[in-house]
């Protein structure tokens, strides 16, 4: 009986997830997708995945693969950095933001 209680306590301890107010935790897997911002929740270990998106400044490198013509018909290559702040994530945009963030290797995930 004591072993069962210890196993249950360990399972709930591993499953417990607490998201700070400046980070969105997106839990995907067996159940419906769940987004936590400044909240707590539970996930099923090994069956559900937790991805973290910072809600502060995100920098994305933008580079053109080929030359872009200007109004004067001069071909130029463009390199730039986009700085984006995600304040709120709407219900309809959660999956899109998650897919773009997770699949983009050029995103600087530093604070």
N, C-alpha and C. Protein backbone atom coordinates (compact mmCIF):
# COMPACT_ATOMS: atom_id res chain seq x y z
N UNK A 1 0.82 -1.20 0.00
CA UNK A 1 0.00 0.00 0.00
C UNK A 1 0.87 1.26 0.00
N UNK A 2 1.94 1.25 0.77
CA UNK A 2 2.84 2.40 0.84
C UNK A 2 3.54 2.62 -0.50
N UNK A 3 3.87 1.52 -1.18
CA UNK A 3 4.53 1.63 -2.48
C UNK A 3 3.59 2.28 -3.49
N UNK A 4 2.32 1.92 -3.46
CA UNK A 4 1.33 2.50 -4.37
C UNK A 4 1.19 4.00 -4.14
N UNK A 5 1.18 4.41 -2.90
CA UNK A 5 1.07 5.84 -2.56
C UNK A 5 2.31 6.58 -3.05
N UNK A 6 3.47 6.01 -2.88
CA UNK A 6 4.71 6.64 -3.34
C UNK A 6 4.72 6.76 -4.86
N UNK A 7 4.27 5.73 -5.56
CA UNK A 7 4.21 5.76 -7.02
C UNK A 7 3.23 6.83 -7.50
N UNK A 8 2.07 6.94 -6.86
CA UNK A 8 1.10 7.97 -7.24
C UNK A 8 1.63 9.38 -6.99
N UNK A 9 2.29 9.57 -5.87
CA UNK A 9 2.87 10.89 -5.57
C UNK A 9 3.95 11.24 -6.60
N UNK A 10 4.80 10.29 -6.95
CA UNK A 10 5.83 10.53 -7.97
C UNK A 10 5.21 10.82 -9.33
N UNK A 11 4.16 10.08 -9.70
CA UNK A 11 3.50 10.31 -10.99
C UNK A 11 2.91 11.72 -11.06
N UNK A 12 2.22 12.15 -10.01
CA UNK A 12 1.66 13.50 -10.01
C UNK A 12 2.76 14.56 -9.96
N UNK A 13 3.86 14.26 -9.29
CA UNK A 13 4.97 15.21 -9.27
C UNK A 13 5.62 15.38 -10.63
N UNK A 14 5.75 14.31 -11.38
CA UNK A 14 6.32 14.38 -12.72
C UNK A 14 5.34 15.01 -13.70
N UNK A 15 4.06 14.78 -13.51
CA UNK A 15 3.04 15.27 -14.44
C UNK A 15 2.71 16.75 -14.25
N UNK A 16 3.00 17.31 -13.10
CA UNK A 16 2.64 18.69 -12.77
C UNK A 16 3.48 19.67 -13.59
N UNK A 17 2.82 20.63 -14.24
CA UNK A 17 3.49 21.63 -15.06
C UNK A 17 2.99 23.00 -14.63
N UNK A 18 3.92 23.93 -14.39
CA UNK A 18 3.55 25.29 -14.00
C UNK A 18 4.21 26.27 -14.96
N UNK A 19 3.39 27.04 -15.66
CA UNK A 19 3.89 28.00 -16.64
C UNK A 19 4.00 29.38 -16.02
N UNK A 20 5.15 30.05 -16.15
CA UNK A 20 5.26 31.42 -15.66
C UNK A 20 4.46 32.36 -16.56
N UNK A 21 4.18 33.59 -16.11
CA UNK A 21 3.35 34.51 -16.89
C UNK A 21 4.01 35.00 -18.18
N UNK A 22 5.32 34.88 -18.31
CA UNK A 22 5.99 35.36 -19.53
C UNK A 22 6.33 34.23 -20.50
N UNK A 23 5.76 33.04 -20.29
CA UNK A 23 6.01 31.89 -21.16
C UNK A 23 4.71 31.13 -21.38
N UNK A 24 4.50 30.71 -22.63
CA UNK A 24 3.33 29.88 -22.95
C UNK A 24 3.80 28.43 -23.05
N UNK A 25 3.18 27.55 -22.29
CA UNK A 25 3.43 26.12 -22.39
C UNK A 25 2.32 25.52 -23.23
N UNK A 26 2.67 24.84 -24.31
CA UNK A 26 1.68 24.20 -25.17
C UNK A 26 1.84 22.70 -25.02
N UNK A 27 0.80 22.05 -24.50
CA UNK A 27 0.81 20.61 -24.24
C UNK A 27 0.02 19.93 -25.35
N UNK A 28 0.67 19.04 -26.08
CA UNK A 28 0.02 18.30 -27.16
C UNK A 28 0.25 16.81 -26.95
N UNK A 29 -0.64 16.01 -27.49
CA UNK A 29 -0.49 14.57 -27.36
C UNK A 29 -1.83 13.88 -27.43
N UNK A 30 -2.11 13.03 -26.45
CA UNK A 30 -3.33 12.23 -26.45
C UNK A 30 -4.58 13.08 -26.32
N UNK A 31 -4.56 14.03 -25.44
CA UNK A 31 -5.75 14.85 -25.21
C UNK A 31 -5.76 16.05 -26.15
N UNK A 32 -6.78 16.88 -26.00
CA UNK A 32 -6.90 18.11 -26.78
C UNK A 32 -5.72 19.03 -26.45
N UNK A 33 -5.27 19.80 -27.44
CA UNK A 33 -4.17 20.73 -27.22
C UNK A 33 -4.54 21.74 -26.13
N UNK A 34 -3.59 21.99 -25.23
CA UNK A 34 -3.84 22.87 -24.10
C UNK A 34 -2.71 23.89 -24.01
N UNK A 35 -3.05 25.15 -23.80
CA UNK A 35 -2.06 26.22 -23.67
C UNK A 35 -2.15 26.79 -22.26
N UNK A 36 -0.99 26.85 -21.60
CA UNK A 36 -0.93 27.39 -20.24
C UNK A 36 -0.08 28.65 -20.25
N UNK A 37 -0.65 29.75 -19.79
CA UNK A 37 0.09 31.01 -19.61
C UNK A 37 -0.19 31.48 -18.20
N UNK A 38 0.80 31.38 -17.33
CA UNK A 38 0.62 31.78 -15.94
C UNK A 38 -0.31 30.86 -15.18
N UNK A 39 -0.43 29.61 -15.61
CA UNK A 39 -1.33 28.65 -14.97
C UNK A 39 -0.58 27.36 -14.69
N UNK A 40 -1.27 26.45 -14.05
CA UNK A 40 -0.72 25.12 -13.81
C UNK A 40 -1.59 24.08 -14.51
N UNK A 41 -1.00 22.93 -14.74
CA UNK A 41 -1.74 21.85 -15.39
C UNK A 41 -1.01 20.54 -15.24
N UNK A 42 -1.56 19.52 -15.83
CA UNK A 42 -0.96 18.19 -15.79
C UNK A 42 -0.78 17.67 -17.20
N UNK A 43 0.27 16.88 -17.39
CA UNK A 43 0.51 16.21 -18.65
C UNK A 43 0.82 14.75 -18.35
N UNK A 44 0.61 13.91 -19.35
CA UNK A 44 0.91 12.49 -19.19
C UNK A 44 2.34 12.27 -19.67
N UNK A 45 3.26 11.89 -18.78
CA UNK A 45 4.65 11.72 -19.19
C UNK A 45 4.79 10.68 -20.30
N UNK A 46 5.70 10.95 -21.24
CA UNK A 46 6.02 10.09 -22.38
C UNK A 46 4.93 10.05 -23.45
N UNK A 47 3.72 10.48 -23.15
CA UNK A 47 2.63 10.45 -24.12
C UNK A 47 2.22 11.84 -24.58
N UNK A 48 2.58 12.86 -23.81
CA UNK A 48 2.27 14.23 -24.18
C UNK A 48 3.55 15.06 -24.16
N UNK A 49 3.60 16.02 -25.07
CA UNK A 49 4.78 16.85 -25.25
C UNK A 49 4.49 18.27 -24.76
N UNK A 50 5.48 18.89 -24.13
CA UNK A 50 5.34 20.27 -23.68
C UNK A 50 6.34 21.13 -24.44
N UNK A 51 5.84 22.12 -25.18
CA UNK A 51 6.68 23.08 -25.88
C UNK A 51 6.52 24.43 -25.20
N UNK A 52 7.62 25.18 -25.15
CA UNK A 52 7.61 26.46 -24.45
C UNK A 52 7.85 27.58 -25.46
N UNK A 53 6.99 28.60 -25.43
CA UNK A 53 7.14 29.78 -26.29
C UNK A 53 7.29 30.99 -25.38
N UNK A 54 8.41 31.70 -25.48
CA UNK A 54 8.54 32.92 -24.68
C UNK A 54 7.61 34.00 -25.22
N UNK A 55 6.95 34.70 -24.33
CA UNK A 55 6.04 35.77 -24.74
C UNK A 55 6.73 37.12 -24.77
N UNK A 56 8.02 37.12 -24.52
CA UNK A 56 8.76 38.36 -24.64
C UNK A 56 9.32 38.45 -26.06
N UNK A 57 10.35 39.17 -26.28
CA UNK A 57 10.88 39.45 -27.60
C UNK A 57 11.44 38.18 -28.27
N UNK A 58 10.97 37.92 -29.50
CA UNK A 58 11.49 36.82 -30.32
C UNK A 58 12.12 37.44 -31.56
N UNK A 59 13.34 37.04 -31.89
CA UNK A 59 14.01 37.56 -33.06
C UNK A 59 14.10 36.47 -34.12
N UNK A 60 13.73 36.83 -35.36
CA UNK A 60 13.76 35.89 -36.47
C UNK A 60 14.64 36.48 -37.56
N UNK A 61 15.63 35.72 -38.04
CA UNK A 61 16.48 36.14 -39.14
C UNK A 61 15.73 35.98 -40.46
N UNK A 62 15.78 37.02 -41.28
CA UNK A 62 15.13 36.98 -42.59
C UNK A 62 16.20 37.17 -43.65
N UNK A 63 16.31 36.20 -44.55
CA UNK A 63 17.29 36.25 -45.64
C UNK A 63 16.60 35.83 -46.92
N UNK A 64 16.90 36.54 -48.00
CA UNK A 64 16.34 36.17 -49.29
C UNK A 64 17.26 35.17 -49.96
N UNK A 65 16.67 34.16 -50.60
CA UNK A 65 17.46 33.14 -51.29
C UNK A 65 17.95 33.64 -52.65
N UNK A 66 17.16 34.52 -53.26
CA UNK A 66 17.55 35.07 -54.57
C UNK A 66 17.45 36.59 -54.52
N UNK A 67 17.93 37.22 -55.58
CA UNK A 67 17.92 38.68 -55.64
C UNK A 67 16.49 39.20 -55.79
N UNK A 68 16.22 40.34 -55.13
CA UNK A 68 14.92 40.99 -55.18
C UNK A 68 15.08 42.29 -55.96
N UNK A 69 14.27 42.49 -57.02
CA UNK A 69 14.41 43.74 -57.79
C UNK A 69 13.75 44.92 -57.08
N UNK A 70 14.37 46.08 -57.17
CA UNK A 70 13.81 47.31 -56.60
C UNK A 70 13.01 48.05 -57.68
N UNK A 71 12.50 49.24 -57.35
CA UNK A 71 11.77 50.04 -58.34
C UNK A 71 12.65 50.44 -59.52
N UNK A 72 13.93 50.61 -59.24
CA UNK A 72 14.87 51.03 -60.29
C UNK A 72 15.46 49.82 -61.01
N UNK A 73 14.88 48.64 -60.82
CA UNK A 73 15.32 47.40 -61.46
C UNK A 73 16.76 47.02 -61.10
N UNK A 74 17.13 47.29 -59.86
CA UNK A 74 18.43 46.87 -59.35
C UNK A 74 18.19 45.67 -58.45
N UNK A 75 18.86 44.58 -58.75
CA UNK A 75 18.70 43.37 -57.96
C UNK A 75 19.54 43.46 -56.69
N UNK A 76 18.92 43.22 -55.53
CA UNK A 76 19.63 43.26 -54.25
C UNK A 76 19.29 42.01 -53.45
N UNK A 77 20.20 41.62 -52.58
CA UNK A 77 19.95 40.55 -51.62
C UNK A 77 19.62 41.21 -50.28
N UNK A 78 18.60 40.71 -49.61
CA UNK A 78 18.13 41.34 -48.38
C UNK A 78 18.38 40.41 -47.20
N UNK A 79 19.02 40.94 -46.17
CA UNK A 79 19.20 40.25 -44.90
C UNK A 79 18.66 41.17 -43.81
N UNK A 80 17.89 40.60 -42.90
CA UNK A 80 17.33 41.42 -41.84
C UNK A 80 16.95 40.60 -40.63
N UNK A 81 16.52 41.29 -39.59
CA UNK A 81 16.08 40.65 -38.36
C UNK A 81 14.72 41.24 -38.00
N UNK A 82 13.77 40.35 -37.73
CA UNK A 82 12.44 40.76 -37.31
C UNK A 82 12.34 40.53 -35.81
N UNK A 83 11.98 41.57 -35.08
CA UNK A 83 11.77 41.45 -33.63
C UNK A 83 10.27 41.46 -33.38
N UNK A 84 9.77 40.43 -32.73
CA UNK A 84 8.32 40.26 -32.55
C UNK A 84 8.03 39.94 -31.08
N UNK A 85 7.00 40.59 -30.55
CA UNK A 85 6.55 40.33 -29.19
C UNK A 85 5.16 39.71 -29.27
N UNK A 86 4.97 38.56 -28.64
CA UNK A 86 3.66 37.92 -28.60
C UNK A 86 3.04 38.28 -27.26
N UNK A 87 2.00 39.09 -27.28
CA UNK A 87 1.35 39.51 -26.05
C UNK A 87 0.30 38.49 -25.62
N UNK A 88 -0.62 38.17 -26.51
CA UNK A 88 -1.67 37.22 -26.21
C UNK A 88 -1.77 36.23 -27.37
N UNK A 89 -2.16 35.04 -27.04
CA UNK A 89 -2.37 34.03 -28.08
C UNK A 89 -3.86 33.72 -28.10
N UNK A 90 -4.51 34.06 -29.21
CA UNK A 90 -5.93 33.76 -29.36
C UNK A 90 -6.13 32.27 -29.57
N UNK A 91 -7.33 31.81 -29.30
CA UNK A 91 -7.63 30.38 -29.43
C UNK A 91 -7.38 29.88 -30.85
N UNK A 92 -7.73 30.70 -31.86
CA UNK A 92 -7.57 30.27 -33.25
C UNK A 92 -6.11 30.33 -33.72
N UNK A 93 -5.28 31.14 -33.07
CA UNK A 93 -3.90 31.31 -33.51
C UNK A 93 -2.91 30.40 -32.77
N UNK A 94 -3.34 29.69 -31.76
CA UNK A 94 -2.41 28.92 -30.94
C UNK A 94 -1.65 27.88 -31.74
N UNK A 95 -2.35 27.11 -32.57
CA UNK A 95 -1.69 26.07 -33.34
C UNK A 95 -0.74 26.66 -34.37
N UNK A 96 -1.15 27.75 -35.03
CA UNK A 96 -0.29 28.39 -36.02
C UNK A 96 0.98 28.93 -35.40
N UNK A 97 0.87 29.61 -34.27
CA UNK A 97 2.05 30.15 -33.60
C UNK A 97 2.96 29.02 -33.16
N UNK A 98 2.39 27.95 -32.63
CA UNK A 98 3.18 26.83 -32.17
C UNK A 98 3.92 26.18 -33.32
N UNK A 99 3.24 25.94 -34.45
CA UNK A 99 3.88 25.31 -35.60
C UNK A 99 4.99 26.18 -36.17
N UNK A 100 4.75 27.46 -36.31
CA UNK A 100 5.77 28.36 -36.86
C UNK A 100 6.98 28.44 -35.94
N UNK A 101 6.75 28.49 -34.64
CA UNK A 101 7.85 28.62 -33.70
C UNK A 101 8.68 27.34 -33.60
N UNK A 102 8.01 26.21 -33.50
CA UNK A 102 8.72 24.95 -33.31
C UNK A 102 9.46 24.54 -34.58
N UNK A 103 8.87 24.79 -35.76
CA UNK A 103 9.48 24.36 -37.02
C UNK A 103 10.50 25.33 -37.56
N UNK A 104 10.67 26.49 -36.95
CA UNK A 104 11.62 27.49 -37.44
C UNK A 104 12.92 27.38 -36.66
N UNK A 105 13.96 26.94 -37.34
CA UNK A 105 15.24 26.75 -36.67
C UNK A 105 15.99 28.07 -36.46
N UNK A 106 15.61 29.14 -37.20
CA UNK A 106 16.33 30.40 -37.10
C UNK A 106 15.83 31.30 -35.99
N UNK A 107 14.86 30.83 -35.20
CA UNK A 107 14.32 31.65 -34.11
C UNK A 107 15.32 31.68 -32.96
N UNK A 108 15.64 32.88 -32.51
CA UNK A 108 16.54 33.04 -31.36
C UNK A 108 15.71 32.91 -30.10
N UNK A 109 15.91 31.85 -29.35
CA UNK A 109 15.07 31.57 -28.18
C UNK A 109 15.66 32.13 -26.90
N UNK A 110 16.58 33.07 -27.01
CA UNK A 110 17.16 33.69 -25.83
C UNK A 110 16.23 34.75 -25.30
N UNK A 111 16.39 35.08 -24.02
CA UNK A 111 15.58 36.15 -23.43
C UNK A 111 16.17 37.49 -23.78
